[in-house]
Protein backbone atom coordinates (compact mmCIF):
# COMPACT_ATOMS: atom_id res chain seq x y z
CA MET A 1 -14.14 55.06 27.42
CA GLU A 2 -12.47 52.02 26.01
CA ARG A 3 -13.28 50.55 22.83
CA ARG A 4 -13.84 46.60 23.22
CA GLY A 5 -14.56 45.80 19.95
CA PRO A 6 -11.68 44.79 18.31
CA ARG A 7 -10.94 42.47 21.95
CA VAL A 8 -14.14 40.64 21.59
CA ALA A 9 -13.74 40.15 17.62
CA ALA A 10 -9.86 38.71 18.11
CA ALA A 11 -11.76 36.32 21.53
CA THR A 12 -14.34 35.39 19.04
CA ALA A 13 -12.04 34.32 16.43
CA VAL A 14 -9.89 32.71 18.59
CA ALA A 15 -12.98 30.74 20.53
CA ALA A 16 -13.78 29.79 16.80
CA ALA A 17 -10.73 28.45 15.97
CA ALA A 18 -10.59 26.36 18.73
CA CYS A 19 -14.02 25.02 18.36
CA THR A 20 -13.15 24.45 14.89
CA ALA A 21 -9.90 22.46 16.54
CA CYS A 22 -11.80 20.54 19.27
CA CYS A 23 -15.15 19.67 17.50
CA VAL A 24 -15.00 20.15 13.66
CA LEU A 25 -11.34 18.47 12.85
CA PRO A 26 -12.33 14.98 13.99
CA LEU A 27 -15.50 14.96 12.13
CA ALA A 28 -13.88 16.09 9.34
CA LEU A 29 -10.36 14.09 9.60
CA PRO A 30 -11.39 10.78 9.00
CA PRO A 31 -13.23 10.88 5.72
CA VAL A 32 -10.23 12.80 4.87
CA ILE A 33 -7.81 10.04 5.78
CA LEU A 34 -9.90 7.19 4.80
CA GLY A 35 -10.17 8.80 0.90
CA ALA A 36 -6.30 9.40 0.47
CA ALA A 37 -6.07 5.90 1.56
CA GLY A 38 -8.31 4.45 -0.81
CA GLY A 39 -6.58 6.95 -3.44
CA LEU A 40 -3.35 5.38 -2.42
CA MET A 41 -4.61 1.99 -2.50
CA ALA A 42 -5.85 2.21 -6.26
CA VAL A 43 -2.65 3.60 -7.44
CA LEU A 44 -0.96 0.45 -5.85
CA ASP A 45 -3.36 -1.88 -7.41
CA HIS A 46 -2.74 -0.12 -10.69
CA ALA A 47 0.94 -0.34 -10.09
CA HIS A 48 0.59 -4.07 -9.71
CA GLY A 49 1.76 -5.39 -13.17
CA TRP A 50 5.32 -3.29 -13.57
CA VAL A 51 6.11 -3.46 -10.21
CA THR A 52 5.34 -7.59 -10.32
CA ARG A 53 7.63 -7.45 -13.38
CA ILE A 54 10.49 -5.76 -11.68
CA ALA A 55 10.17 -8.06 -8.84
CA VAL A 56 10.71 -10.61 -11.40
CA ALA A 57 13.53 -9.33 -12.79
CA ILE A 58 15.27 -8.61 -9.67
CA VAL A 59 14.76 -12.35 -8.46
CA LEU A 60 16.14 -13.41 -11.45
CA VAL A 61 19.25 -11.41 -11.50
CA ALA A 62 19.64 -12.35 -7.75
CA TRP A 63 19.77 -16.14 -8.30
CA ALA A 64 22.24 -15.51 -11.69
CA TRP A 65 24.62 -13.60 -9.40
CA ILE A 66 24.33 -16.13 -6.64
CA GLY A 67 24.99 -18.53 -9.49
CA TRP A 68 27.87 -16.64 -10.70
CA GLN A 69 29.56 -16.30 -7.08
CA ILE A 70 29.50 -20.24 -6.68
CA VAL A 71 30.85 -21.21 -10.26
CA ARG A 72 33.66 -18.81 -9.56
CA GLY A 73 34.21 -20.50 -6.32
CA LYS A 74 34.46 -17.28 -4.74
CA ARG A 75 31.53 -17.94 -2.19
CA ARG A 76 29.36 -20.83 -1.16
CA MET A 77 25.67 -19.97 -0.35
CA THR A 78 24.46 -20.01 3.20
CA GLY A 79 21.89 -21.73 4.33
CA ARG A 80 19.92 -18.22 5.60
CA ALA A 81 20.94 -17.17 1.64
CA MET A 82 19.15 -20.17 0.26
CA ALA A 83 16.15 -19.79 2.75
CA LEU A 84 15.38 -16.11 1.89
CA MET A 85 16.43 -16.68 -1.90
CA ILE A 86 13.52 -19.66 -1.93
CA LEU A 87 11.27 -17.40 0.05
CA ALA A 88 11.58 -14.17 -2.48
CA THR A 89 11.25 -16.82 -5.44
CA VAL A 90 8.06 -17.60 -3.78
CA LEU A 91 6.21 -14.54 -2.79
CA THR A 92 7.42 -13.07 -6.38
CA GLY A 93 5.70 -16.39 -8.09
CA ALA A 94 2.42 -16.00 -5.85
CA ALA A 95 2.95 -12.01 -6.72
CA SER A 96 2.89 -12.89 -10.09
CA ALA A 97 -0.14 -15.45 -10.29
CA TRP A 98 -2.20 -13.31 -8.08
CA PRO A 99 -4.50 -12.45 -11.21
CA LEU A 100 -5.51 -16.35 -10.99
CA LEU A 101 -5.60 -16.59 -7.27
CA GLU A 102 -7.83 -13.75 -6.79
CA PRO A 103 -10.97 -14.97 -7.63
CA PHE A 104 -10.36 -17.86 -5.63
CA ALA A 105 -9.03 -16.16 -2.41
CA PHE A 106 -11.49 -13.20 -2.87
CA SER A 107 -14.29 -16.02 -3.02
CA ALA A 108 -12.74 -17.93 0.16
CA LEU A 109 -12.74 -14.83 2.21
CA GLY A 110 -16.42 -14.20 1.10
CA VAL A 111 -15.00 -10.55 -0.22
CA ALA A 112 -16.15 -10.74 -4.06
CA LYS A 113 -20.10 -10.21 -4.99
CA GLY A 114 -19.33 -10.83 -8.76
CA ALA A 115 -16.86 -10.84 -11.19
CA HIS A 116 -14.08 -8.16 -11.60
CA ARG A 117 -14.25 -6.54 -15.02
CA HIS A 118 -11.93 -3.25 -15.57
CA GLY A 119 -11.56 -2.18 -12.14
CA GLN A 120 -14.78 -2.40 -10.89
CA TRP A 121 -16.50 -4.87 -9.03
CA THR A 122 -19.85 -5.83 -10.55
CA CYS A 123 -22.94 -7.52 -7.99
């Protein structure tokens, strides 16, 4: 007489793994992904201050470098370079002014229900 116990146990384990991949994973994966995305957004929110300072420094250095190149007579500034530098300056200025613009932007979108205090929204 054959031993069917190990084969049945192996088949049961494979079926359980298949059911997990087929049924449980689609139910468990979205909350895990959303939790990770929320954590990443929280990290980026806390990084806003120092990243904005770095961006301002980079734009200022770029303007200084372009001015230095023009004064030395090595190059002329092209229209595309001027447009990109103006765009970088405007976007960096908007990022710098975001703490002032945030309440107006959120209220215009209907997102904010209350005042923003210490990283939490109050109702």
